[in-house]
C-alpha atoms as a PDB file:
ATOM      1  CA  MET A   1     195.797  -3.791 170.216  1.00  0.00           C
ATOM      2  CA  SER A   2     194.222  -6.847 172.084  1.00  0.00           C
ATOM      3  CA  LYS A   3     194.504 -10.327 170.608  1.00  0.00           C
ATOM      4  CA  GLU A   4     190.706 -10.592 170.691  1.00  0.00           C
ATOM      5  CA  SER A   5     190.183  -8.044 168.063  1.00  0.00           C
ATOM      6  CA  MET A   6     192.325 -10.017 165.599  1.00  0.00           C
ATOM      7  CA  THR A   7     190.977 -13.594 165.852  1.00  0.00           C
ATOM      8  CA  GLY A   8     187.664 -13.612 167.449  1.00  0.00           C
ATOM      9  CA  GLY A   9     184.815 -11.502 168.696  1.00  0.00           C
ATOM     10  CA  PRO A  10     182.564  -9.415 166.434  1.00  0.00           C
ATOM     11  CA  ALA A  11     185.060  -9.042 163.583  1.00  0.00           C
ATOM     12  CA  GLY A  12     185.492 -12.799 163.231  1.00  0.00           C
ATOM     13  CA  GLY A  13     181.707 -13.311 163.094  1.00  0.00           C
ATOM     14  CA  ALA A  14     181.309 -10.977 160.193  1.00  0.00           C
ATOM     15  CA  ALA A  15     183.952 -12.888 158.142  1.00  0.00           C
ATOM     16  CA  ASP A  16     182.154 -16.092 158.799  1.00  0.00           C
ATOM     17  CA  ASP A  17     178.806 -14.720 157.692  1.00  0.00           C
ATOM     18  CA  GLU A  18     180.376 -13.371 154.448  1.00  0.00           C
ATOM     19  CA  ALA A  19     181.894 -16.897 153.637  1.00  0.00           C
ATOM     20  CA  ALA A  20     178.602 -18.461 154.335  1.00  0.00           C
ATOM     21  CA  ALA A  21     176.799 -16.056 151.929  1.00  0.00           C
ATOM     22  CA  SER A  22     179.402 -16.700 149.251  1.00  0.00           C
ATOM     23  CA  ARG A  23     178.898 -20.460 149.493  1.00  0.00           C
ATOM     24  CA  ALA A  24     175.160 -20.026 149.366  1.00  0.00           C
ATOM     25  CA  LEU A  25     175.413 -17.810 146.200  1.00  0.00           C
ATOM     26  CA  GLY A  26     177.801 -20.375 144.581  1.00  0.00           C
ATOM     27  CA  GLU A  27     175.337 -23.164 145.274  1.00  0.00           C
ATOM     28  CA  LEU A  28     172.502 -21.088 143.860  1.00  0.00           C
ATOM     29  CA  ALA A  29     174.427 -20.238 140.698  1.00  0.00           C
ATOM     30  CA  GLY A  30     175.337 -23.862 140.236  1.00  0.00           C
ATOM     31  CA  SER A  31     171.650 -24.776 140.317  1.00  0.00           C
ATOM     32  CA  VAL A  32     170.705 -22.395 137.506  1.00  0.00           C
ATOM     33  CA  ASP A  33     170.385 -23.931 134.012  1.00  0.00           C
ATOM     34  CA  ILE A  34     172.062 -21.405 131.787  1.00  0.00           C
ATOM     35  CA  GLY A  35     171.414 -23.169 128.452  1.00  0.00           C
ATOM     36  CA  THR A  36     172.596 -21.887 125.009  1.00  0.00           C
ATOM     37  CA  VAL A  37     173.296 -18.294 124.278  1.00  0.00           C
ATOM     38  CA  PRO A  38     170.242 -16.717 122.418  1.00  0.00           C
ATOM     39  CA  TYR A  39     172.212 -15.474 119.488  1.00  0.00           C
ATOM     40  CA  ASP A  40     169.269 -15.111 117.096  1.00  0.00           C
ATOM     41  CA  ARG A  41     167.368 -12.865 119.484  1.00  0.00           C
ATOM     42  CA  LEU A  42     170.570 -10.845 120.091  1.00  0.00           C
ATOM     43  CA  LEU A  43     171.050 -10.500 116.312  1.00  0.00           C
ATOM     44  CA  THR A  44     167.341  -9.573 115.762  1.00  0.00           C
ATOM     45  CA  GLY A  45     167.466  -6.942 118.404  1.00  0.00           C
ATOM     46  CA  GLY A  46     170.558  -5.534 117.010  1.00  0.00           C
ATOM     47  CA  ARG A  47     169.176  -5.290 113.503  1.00  0.00           C
ATOM     48  CA  ARG A  48     166.044  -3.656 114.951  1.00  0.00           C
ATOM     49  CA  ARG A  49     168.096  -0.955 116.657  1.00  0.00           C
ATOM     50  CA  LEU A  50     170.261  -0.498 113.541  1.00  0.00           C
ATOM     51  CA  ARG A  51     167.121   0.040 111.435  1.00  0.00           C
ATOM     52  CA  ARG A  52     165.781   2.501 113.946  1.00  0.00           C
ATOM     53  CA  ARG A  53     169.100   4.428 113.727  1.00  0.00           C
ATOM     54  CA  ARG A  54     169.033   4.344 109.888  1.00  0.00           C
ATOM     55  CA  LEU A  55     165.436   5.563 109.828  1.00  0.00           C
ATOM     56  CA  LEU A  56     166.314   8.491 112.186  1.00  0.00           C
ATOM     57  CA  THR A  57     169.343   9.312 110.077  1.00  0.00           C
ATOM     58  CA  ALA A  58     167.268   9.105 106.704  1.00  0.00           C
ATOM     59  CA  GLY A  59     164.555  11.240 108.301  1.00  0.00           C
ATOM     60  CA  ALA A  60     167.013  13.943 109.343  1.00  0.00           C
ATOM     61  CA  ALA A  61     168.526  13.744 105.846  1.00  0.00           C
ATOM     62  CA  ALA A  62     165.033  14.046 104.291  1.00  0.00           C
ATOM     63  CA  VAL A  63     164.309  17.142 106.327  1.00  0.00           C
ATOM     64  CA  LEU A  64     167.613  18.656 105.243  1.00  0.00           C
ATOM     65  CA  ALA A  65     166.950  17.718 101.561  1.00  0.00           C
ATOM     66  CA  ALA A  66     163.471  19.214 101.701  1.00  0.00           C
ATOM     67  CA  ALA A  67     165.014  22.445 102.989  1.00  0.00           C
ATOM     68  CA  VAL A  68     167.583  22.464 100.134  1.00  0.00           C
ATOM     69  CA  VAL A  69     164.951  21.567  97.498  1.00  0.00           C
ATOM     70  CA  GLY A  70     162.567  24.191  98.855  1.00  0.00           C
ATOM     71  CA  GLY A  71     165.219  26.855  98.413  1.00  0.00           C
ATOM     72  CA  GLY A  72     165.774  25.523  94.843  1.00  0.00           C
ATOM     73  CA  ALA A  73     162.114  25.690  94.043  1.00  0.00           C
ATOM     74  CA  VAL A  74     162.062  29.334  94.944  1.00  0.00           C
ATOM     75  CA  LEU A  75     164.965  30.035  92.727  1.00  0.00           C
ATOM     76  CA  ASP A  76     163.380  27.987  89.833  1.00  0.00           C
ATOM     77  CA  GLN A  77     160.087  29.789  90.295  1.00  0.00           C
ATOM     78  CA  ARG A  78     161.865  33.122  90.001  1.00  0.00           C
ATOM     79  CA  GLY A  79     163.581  31.907  86.825  1.00  0.00           C
ATOM     80  CA  ARG A  80     160.212  30.915  85.376  1.00  0.00           C
ATOM     81  CA  GLN A  81     158.817  34.364  86.053  1.00  0.00           C
ATOM     82  CA  ALA A  82     161.757  35.950  84.310  1.00  0.00           C
ATOM     83  CA  VAL A  83     161.198  33.882  81.268  1.00  0.00           C
ATOM     84  CA  SER A  84     157.442  34.522  81.242  1.00  0.00           C
ATOM     85  CA  SER A  85     158.006  38.200  81.493  1.00  0.00           C
ATOM     86  CA  VAL A  86     160.238  38.166  78.422  1.00  0.00           C
ATOM     87  CA  VAL A  87     157.614  36.127  76.471  1.00  0.00           C
ATOM     88  CA  ALA A  88     154.834  38.426  77.570  1.00  0.00           C
ATOM     89  CA  ALA A  89     156.792  41.513  76.552  1.00  0.00           C
ATOM     90  CA  ALA A  90     157.653  40.020  73.161  1.00  0.00           C
ATOM     91  CA  SER A  91     154.074  38.806  72.568  1.00  0.00           C
ATOM     92  CA  PRO A  92     151.226  41.405  72.920  1.00  0.00           C
ATOM     93  CA  SER A  93     148.613  38.754  73.580  1.00  0.00           C
ATOM     94  CA  ALA A  94     150.569  36.837  76.118  1.00  0.00           C
ATOM     95  CA  SER A  95     149.114  37.165  79.625  1.00  0.00           C
ATOM     96  CA  THR A  96     151.318  37.639  82.760  1.00  0.00           C
ATOM     97  CA  ALA A  97     152.232  34.108  83.731  1.00  0.00           C
ATOM     98  CA  GLY A  98     154.529  34.348  86.814  1.00  0.00           C
ATOM     99  CA  SER A  99     153.140  31.062  88.146  1.00  0.00           C
ATOM    100  CA  ALA A 100     152.902  29.235  84.852  1.00  0.00           C
ATOM    101  CA  PRO A 101     154.987  26.076  84.339  1.00  0.00           C
ATOM    102  CA  ALA A 102     158.272  26.332  82.551  1.00  0.00           C
ATOM    103  CA  SER A 103     156.849  24.498  79.567  1.00  0.00           C
ATOM    104  CA  ALA A 104     154.096  27.188  79.091  1.00  0.00           C
ATOM    105  CA  ALA A 105     156.704  29.945  79.319  1.00  0.00           C
ATOM    106  CA  ALA A 106     159.033  28.224  76.837  1.00  0.00           C
ATOM    107  CA  THR A 107     156.304  28.284  74.157  1.00  0.00           C
ATOM    108  CA  PRO A 108     155.885  31.762  72.794  1.00  0.00           C
ATOM    109  CA  THR A 109     152.314  32.869  72.107  1.00  0.00           C
ATOM    110  CA  ALA A 110     151.294  33.980  68.591  1.00  0.00           C
ATOM    111  CA  PRO A 111     151.117  37.756  68.293  1.00  0.00           C
ATOM    112  CA  ALA A 112     147.610  39.208  68.352  1.00  0.00           C
ATOM    113  CA  ARG A 113     145.955  40.098  65.012  1.00  0.00           C
ATOM    114  CA  ASP A 114     145.480  43.768  65.101  1.00  0.00           C
ATOM    115  CA  PRO A 115     143.227  45.075  62.209  1.00  0.00           C
ATOM    116  CA  LEU A 116     144.675  48.543  62.570  1.00  0.00           C
ATOM    117  CA  THR A 117     148.320  47.470  62.336  1.00  0.00           C
ATOM    118  CA  PRO A 118     149.508  45.938  59.114  1.00  0.00           C
ATOM    119  CA  VAL A 119     152.291  43.373  58.752  1.00  0.00           C
ATOM    120  CA  ARG A 120     154.538  44.372  55.923  1.00  0.00           C
ATOM    121  CA  VAL A 121     156.752  41.883  54.136  1.00  0.00           C
ATOM    122  CA  LYS A 122     158.951  42.121  51.089  1.00  0.00           C
ATOM    123  CA  ILE A 123     158.087  39.360  48.677  1.00  0.00           C
ATOM    124  CA  GLY A 124     160.424  39.966  45.837  1.00  0.00           C
ATOM    125  CA  GLU A 125     163.191  42.195  44.441  1.00  0.00           C
ATOM    126  CA  GLY A 126     165.442  42.724  41.429  1.00  0.00           C
ATOM    127  CA  THR A 127     166.853  45.236  39.163  1.00  0.00           C
ATOM    128  CA  ALA A 128     165.465  46.691  35.899  1.00  0.00           C
ATOM    129  CA  ASP A 129     167.292  49.221  33.721  1.00  0.00           C
ATOM    130  CA  GLY A 130     169.804  49.643  36.519  1.00  0.00           C
ATOM    131  CA  ARG A 131     167.164  50.483  39.112  1.00  0.00           C
ATOM    132  CA  THR A 132     166.235  48.343  42.147  1.00  0.00           C
ATOM    133  CA  TRP A 133     162.657  47.286  42.581  1.00  0.00           C
ATOM    134  CA  GLN A 134     160.997  45.648  45.532  1.00  0.00           C
ATOM    135  CA  ALA A 135     157.538  44.101  45.701  1.00  0.00           C
ATOM    136  CA  TRP A 136     155.630  44.322  49.073  1.00  0.00           C
ATOM    137  CA  ALA A 137     152.658  42.878  50.638  1.00  0.00           C
ATOM    138  CA  ALA A 138     150.969  44.717  53.582  1.00  0.00           C
ATOM    139  CA  LEU A 139     148.564  42.429  55.317  1.00  0.00           C
ATOM    140  CA  TRP A 140     145.787  44.098  57.308  1.00  0.00           C
ATOM    141  CA  PRO A 141     144.155  41.502  59.609  1.00  0.00           C
ATOM    142  CA  ALA A 142     140.408  40.904  59.226  1.00  0.00           C
ATOM    143  CA  ALA A 143     138.321  43.568  61.119  1.00  0.00           C
ATOM    144  CA  PRO A 144     136.121  41.857  63.628  1.00  0.00           C
ATOM    145  CA  THR A 145     133.446  44.591  63.550  1.00  0.00           C
ATOM    146  CA  LYS A 146     132.108  47.154  61.177  1.00  0.00           C
ATOM    147  CA  GLU A 147     133.466  49.971  63.274  1.00  0.00           C
ATOM    148  CA  ASP A 148     136.926  48.389  63.036  1.00  0.00           C
ATOM    149  CA  ALA A 149     136.422  47.955  59.233  1.00  0.00           C
ATOM    150  CA  HIS A 150     135.753  51.655  58.883  1.00  0.00           C
ATOM    151  CA  ARG A 151     138.844  52.661  60.922  1.00  0.00           C
ATOM    152  CA  GLN A 152     140.963  50.140  58.984  1.00  0.00           C
ATOM    153  CA  GLU A 153     139.753  51.529  55.723  1.00  0.00           C
ATOM    154  CA  GLU A 154     140.609  55.052  56.740  1.00  0.00           C
ATOM    155  CA  LEU A 155     144.171  54.106  57.691  1.00  0.00           C
ATOM    156  CA  LEU A 156     144.698  51.989  54.590  1.00  0.00           C
ATOM    157  CA  TRP A 157     143.297  54.790  52.211  1.00  0.00           C
ATOM    158  CA  THR A 158     145.677  57.387  53.975  1.00  0.00           C
ATOM    159  CA  GLU A 159     148.669  55.174  53.356  1.00  0.00           C
ATOM    160  CA  ARG A 160     147.762  54.434  49.708  1.00  0.00           C
ATOM    161  CA  HIS A 161     146.650  58.108  48.998  1.00  0.00           C
ATOM    162  CA  ALA A 162     150.176  59.331  49.910  1.00  0.00           C
ATOM    163  CA  ALA A 163     151.461  57.515  46.822  1.00  0.00           C
ATOM    164  CA  ILE A 164     148.306  57.870  44.741  1.00  0.00           C
ATOM    165  CA  PRO A 165     146.857  61.285  45.105  1.00  0.00           C
ATOM    166  CA  GLN A 166     143.985  60.681  42.839  1.00  0.00           C
ATOM    167  CA  LEU A 167     142.769  57.635  44.868  1.00  0.00           C
ATOM    168  CA  PRO A 168     139.098  58.104  45.864  1.00  0.00           C
ATOM    169  CA  LYS A 169     137.667  57.176  49.269  1.00  0.00           C
ATOM    170  CA  MET A 170     135.233  54.315  49.749  1.00  0.00           C
ATOM    171  CA  THR A 171     131.880  55.456  50.949  1.00  0.00           C
ATOM    172  CA  ASN A 172     130.471  54.115  54.204  1.00  0.00           C
ATOM    173  CA  ASP A 173     128.037  51.983  52.366  1.00  0.00           C
ATOM    174  CA  GLU A 174     130.835  50.552  50.193  1.00  0.00           C
ATOM    175  CA  VAL A 175     132.821  49.809  53.338  1.00  0.00           C
ATOM    176  CA  ASP A 176     129.880  48.012  54.911  1.00  0.00           C
ATOM    177  CA  ARG A 177     129.296  45.829  51.699  1.00  0.00           C
ATOM    178  CA  HIS A 178     133.070  45.177  51.321  1.00  0.00           C
ATOM    179  CA  TRP A 179     133.654  44.194  54.955  1.00  0.00           C
ATOM    180  CA  ARG A 180     134.170  40.524  55.732  1.00  0.00           C
ATOM    181  CA  PRO A 181     135.253  39.378  59.308  1.00  0.00           C
ATOM    182  CA  ASP A 182     136.725  36.215  57.744  1.00  0.00           C
ATOM    183  CA  LEU A 183     138.847  37.907  55.156  1.00  0.00           C
ATOM    184  CA  ASP A 184     142.148  39.775  55.503  1.00  0.00           C
ATOM    185  CA  GLU A 185     142.978  42.720  53.382  1.00  0.00           C
ATOM    186  CA  VAL A 186     146.320  42.550  51.480  1.00  0.00           C
ATOM    187  CA  ASN A 187     147.767  45.642  49.908  1.00  0.00           C
ATOM    188  CA  LEU A 188     150.352  44.779  47.163  1.00  0.00           C
ATOM    189  CA  TYR A 189     152.573  47.550  45.907  1.00  0.00           C
ATOM    190  CA  LEU A 190     155.904  48.189  44.219  1.00  0.00           C
ATOM    191  CA  THR A 191     158.810  50.437  45.138  1.00  0.00           C
ATOM    192  CA  VAL A 192     161.666  51.538  42.767  1.00  0.00           C
ATOM    193  CA  ASP A 193     164.821  52.859  44.373  1.00  0.00           C
ATOM    194  CA  GLY A 194     162.883  53.040  47.601  1.00  0.00           C
ATOM    195  CA  LYS A 195     160.023  55.159  46.239  1.00  0.00           C
ATOM    196  CA  ARG A 196     156.449  53.758  46.253  1.00  0.00           C
ATOM    197  CA  GLN A 197     154.859  53.546  42.901  1.00  0.00           C
ATOM    198  CA  VAL A 198     151.594  55.060  41.830  1.00  0.00           C
ATOM    199  CA  ASN A 199     149.737  51.760  41.162  1.00  0.00           C
ATOM    200  CA  ASP A 200     148.950  49.103  43.682  1.00  0.00           C
ATOM    201  CA  THR A 201     146.145  46.682  44.372  1.00  0.00           C
ATOM    202  CA  VAL A 202     144.144  45.254  47.340  1.00  0.00           C
ATOM    203  CA  HIS A 203     143.035  41.728  47.695  1.00  0.00           C
ATOM    204  CA  GLN A 204     140.965  39.881  50.203  1.00  0.00           C
ATOM    205  CA  THR A 205     142.396  36.544  51.429  1.00  0.00           C
ATOM    206  CA  PRO A 206     141.068  34.064  53.986  1.00  0.00           C
ATOM    207  CA  VAL A 207     142.057  34.349  57.504  1.00  0.00           C
ATOM    208  CA  PRO A 208     144.085  31.444  59.141  1.00  0.00           C
ATOM    209  CA  GLY A 209     141.959  28.342  59.834  1.00  0.00           C
ATOM    210  CA  LYS A 210     139.260  29.302  57.310  1.00  0.00           C
ATOM    211  CA  PRO A 211     139.174  27.472  53.983  1.00  0.00           C
ATOM    212  CA  GLY A 212     138.486  29.369  50.713  1.00  0.00           C
ATOM    213  CA  ALA A 213     140.204  31.608  48.249  1.00  0.00           C
ATOM    214  CA  THR A 214     139.317  33.995  45.545  1.00  0.00           C
ATOM    215  CA  SER A 215     140.395  31.763  42.738  1.00  0.00           C
ATOM    216  CA  ALA A 216     138.799  28.622  41.419  1.00  0.00           C
ATOM    217  CA  PRO A 217     138.487  25.688  43.862  1.00  0.00           C
ATOM    218  CA  GLY A 218     141.527  23.429  43.704  1.00  0.00           C
ATOM    219  CA  SER A 219     143.774  25.900  41.943  1.00  0.00           C
ATOM    220  CA  PRO A 220     147.197  26.581  43.476  1.00  0.00           C
ATOM    221  CA  PHE A 221     146.758  30.232  42.440  1.00  0.00           C
ATOM    222  CA  VAL A 222     144.839  31.740  45.330  1.00  0.00           C
ATOM    223  CA  GLY A 223     144.416  35.275  46.711  1.00  0.00           C
ATOM    224  CA  GLY A 224     144.497  36.877  43.285  1.00  0.00           C
ATOM    225  CA  GLY A 225     147.390  38.747  41.641  1.00  0.00           C
ATOM    226  CA  ALA A 226     148.359  41.823  39.733  1.00  0.00           C
ATOM    227  CA  MET A 227     150.872  43.252  37.384  1.00  0.00           C
ATOM    228  CA  LEU A 228     152.600  46.262  38.902  1.00  0.00           C
ATOM    229  CA  GLY A 229     154.942  48.873  37.381  1.00  0.00           C
ATOM    230  CA  PHE A 230     153.131  49.924  34.156  1.00  0.00           C
ATOM    231  CA  LYS A 231     151.869  53.205  35.538  1.00  0.00           C
ATOM    232  CA  GLY A 232     154.417  55.971  35.686  1.00  0.00           C
ATOM    233  CA  GLY A 233     156.902  54.144  33.486  1.00  0.00           C
ATOM    234  CA  GLU A 234     159.187  53.454  36.359  1.00  0.00           C
ATOM    235  CA  MET A 235     159.731  49.803  35.333  1.00  0.00           C
ATOM    236  CA  GLY A 236     159.837  50.407  31.665  1.00  0.00           C
ATOM    237  CA  ALA A 237     159.481  47.104  29.819  1.00  0.00           C
ATOM    238  CA  SER A 238     159.833  45.067  33.058  1.00  0.00           C
ATOM    239  CA  PRO A 239     156.539  45.230  35.051  1.00  0.00           C
ATOM    240  CA  VAL A 240     156.331  42.811  37.968  1.00  0.00           C
ATOM    241  CA  VAL A 241     153.755  40.099  38.430  1.00  0.00           C
ATOM    242  CA  VAL A 242     152.642  39.485  42.019  1.00  0.00           C
ATOM    243  CA  ALA A 243     150.426  36.346  42.627  1.00  0.00           C
ATOM    244  CA  GLY A 244     149.095  34.531  45.643  1.00  0.00           C
ATOM    245  CA  VAL A 245     149.668  30.808  45.880  1.00  0.00           C
ATOM    246  CA  GLY A 246     148.660  27.990  48.314  1.00  0.00           C
ATOM    247  CA  PRO A 247     151.016  26.672  51.065  1.00  0.00           C
ATOM    248  CA  GLU A 248     151.657  23.518  49.004  1.00  0.00           C
ATOM    249  CA  VAL A 249     153.501  25.546  46.517  1.00  0.00           C
ATOM    250  CA  ALA A 250     157.366  25.303  46.791  1.00  0.00           C
ATOM    251  CA  LYS A 251     158.444  27.424  43.763  1.00  0.00           C
ATOM    252  CA  ALA A 252     157.185  29.177  40.681  1.00  0.00           C
ATOM    253  CA  VAL A 253     159.044  29.052  37.337  1.00  0.00           C
ATOM    254  CA  VAL A 254     158.402  31.324  34.388  1.00  0.00           C
ATOM    255  CA  THR A 255     159.819  30.174  31.049  1.00  0.00           C
ATOM    256  CA  TRP A 256     160.405  32.818  28.465  1.00  0.00           C
ATOM    257  CA  LYS A 257     159.596  32.538  24.744  1.00  0.00           C
ATOM    258  CA  THR A 258     162.962  33.961  23.900  1.00  0.00           C
ATOM    259  CA  GLY A 259     164.743  31.437  26.044  1.00  0.00           C
ATOM    260  CA  GLY A 260     165.604  31.038  29.662  1.00  0.00           C
ATOM    261  CA  SER A 261     163.447  30.986  32.806  1.00  0.00           C
ATOM    262  CA  THR A 262     162.981  32.805  36.095  1.00  0.00           C
ATOM    263  CA  GLU A 263     162.262  31.235  39.479  1.00  0.00           C
ATOM    264  CA  ALA A 264     160.694  32.565  42.682  1.00  0.00           C
ATOM    265  CA  VAL A 265     160.063  31.017  46.116  1.00  0.00           C
ATOM    266  CA  PRO A 266     156.769  31.906  47.773  1.00  0.00           C
ATOM    267  CA  VAL A 267     156.979  34.187  50.782  1.00  0.00           C
ATOM    268  CA  THR A 268     154.818  33.917  53.963  1.00  0.00           C
ATOM    269  CA  VAL A 269     153.124  37.081  55.228  1.00  0.00           C
ATOM    270  CA  ALA A 270     152.334  36.982  58.917  1.00  0.00           C
ATOM    271  CA  ASP A 271     150.086  34.008  59.654  1.00  0.00           C
ATOM    272  CA  SER A 272     148.150  34.098  56.370  1.00  0.00           C
ATOM    273  CA  PRO A 273     147.623  30.847  54.641  1.00  0.00           C
ATOM    274  CA  VAL A 274     148.277  32.619  51.291  1.00  0.00           C
ATOM    275  CA  ARG A 275     151.956  32.897  50.107  1.00  0.00           C
ATOM    276  CA  TRP A 276     153.147  35.451  47.562  1.00  0.00           C
ATOM    277  CA  ILE A 277     155.575  35.426  44.634  1.00  0.00           C
ATOM    278  CA  ALA A 278     156.897  38.342  42.566  1.00  0.00           C
ATOM    279  CA  ILE A 279     158.608  37.981  39.201  1.00  0.00           C
ATOM    280  CA  ALA A 280     159.662  40.790  36.786  1.00  0.00           C
ATOM    281  CA  LYS A 281     158.991  40.445  33.108  1.00  0.00           C
ATOM    282  CA  LYS A 282     161.980  39.698  30.923  1.00  0.00           C
ATOM    283  CA  PRO A 283     162.396  42.709  28.592  1.00  0.00           C
ATOM    284  CA  GLY A 284     161.441  41.855  25.005  1.00  0.00           C
ATOM    285  CA  SER A 285     159.887  38.543  25.701  1.00  0.00           C
ATOM    286  CA  ASP A 286     156.500  37.183  26.637  1.00  0.00           C
ATOM    287  CA  ALA A 287     156.115  34.230  29.049  1.00  0.00           C
ATOM    288  CA  GLY A 288     155.687  30.786  27.527  1.00  0.00           C
ATOM    289  CA  ALA A 289     154.296  29.355  30.855  1.00  0.00           C
ATOM    290  CA  PHE A 290     153.971  30.195  34.541  1.00  0.00           C
ATOM    291  CA  THR A 291     154.264  26.956  36.383  1.00  0.00           C
ATOM    292  CA  LEU A 292     153.976  26.060  40.025  1.00  0.00           C
ATOM    293  CA  TYR A 293     155.752  23.097  41.599  1.00  0.00           C
ATOM    294  CA  ALA A 294     155.403  21.171  44.922  1.00  0.00           C
ATOM    295  CA  ALA A 295     158.329  20.292  47.100  1.00  0.00           C
ATOM    296  CA  ASP A 296     158.630  16.899  45.415  1.00  0.00           C
ATOM    297  CA  GLY A 297     158.850  18.447  41.998  1.00  0.00           C
ATOM    298  CA  SER A 298     155.391  17.622  40.777  1.00  0.00           C
ATOM    299  CA  VAL A 299     153.511  20.268  38.836  1.00  0.00           C
ATOM    300  CA  LEU A 300     150.597  21.793  40.763  1.00  0.00           C
ATOM    301  CA  GLY A 301     149.321  24.206  38.086  1.00  0.00           C
ATOM    302  CA  THR A 302     150.209  26.214  34.994  1.00  0.00           C
ATOM    303  CA  ASP A 303     149.025  29.619  33.840  1.00  0.00           C
ATOM    304  CA  ASP A 304     149.779  31.118  30.403  1.00  0.00           C
ATOM    305  CA  ASN A 305     147.873  34.341  30.781  1.00  0.00           C
ATOM    306  CA  TRP A 306     150.508  36.414  32.531  1.00  0.00           C
ATOM    307  CA  PHE A 307     153.122  38.653  30.910  1.00  0.00           C
ATOM    308  CA  ARG A 308     151.212  39.160  27.689  1.00  0.00           C
ATOM    309  CA  SER A 309     152.269  42.330  25.699  1.00  0.00           C
END
């Protein structure tokens, strides 16, 4: 190798140029006023980027949550449909409500009032001469049309005629005159040891939401009444009084002239505003008073015309 290549010639010129450039850059850097570090701007920019990352993260979480909630909504909707179908099946007048809110499905709808299907309720029972008696009220909802009234009367007569063979039919004119679209028909009857007795009675009572009764205005005795068990001698000396009372009546008490008393709690029949009580006569004694009481113990009314020999 020649000495020229080591200390001079083209290679040495390049080194001198590089040294000159370094000195120039150093002088230039020394002339720049750096000043203070912009910490505030750096922090602000960092916070801005952090917020953007949080927003992106929250957005992704929201999308995921929406997907999860959406799946839950589908399950919830199916659950509501299942509840609604149960309510609809249990309630003839309830409409199909697959899209109804849960609150609607949770509130059962009142059954439809079918004038051709009676609601039968036991309103009292006891024993007399070792035999079991039961008092019943069969409520036939008010017929909305005359045609329905005629069909209702035919069904009611058929049922009563099975126990009372001599019972005559009402004529068409009688049915037309008797029909009231705002009054229910209530058939009161007695069974002894499960057998329906030969005497019964039918009363008209106001439909729900309609004021009025067949008794005097203001009296707690409403809907009429009857004494059952005389005919056929099935009850002997213990016929049963059945009477309708208003919803304000909490109990009825009969005091007997020979001492003692008998109580009865009014029984609701379907949605009728009239309640019913049934009390058997004490053998060998007339009633001193038939008194109705409110829930607070106050006297609502007294009747001394029942259980007279």
